[in-house]
């Protein structure tokens, strides 16, 4: 690529190295889903007959740490 200046590439590489350790705050650790919201959704699935009562209870114990 003849139109790319070697100096531009070096400056771009320098910029990338300088910013390599910086992360935007929005990409920080994603938050965990709320267990109560998960239980509500799971209860809706149980009520709709998509999951069994046993599956619901097992997941509920897991979410509540019991």
Foldseek 3Di string as FASTA:
>chain_A
DVVDDPVVVVVVVVVCVVCVPPDDPVPPDDDDDDLVVVLVVLVVCCVVVNDDPVVSVVVNCVSVVD
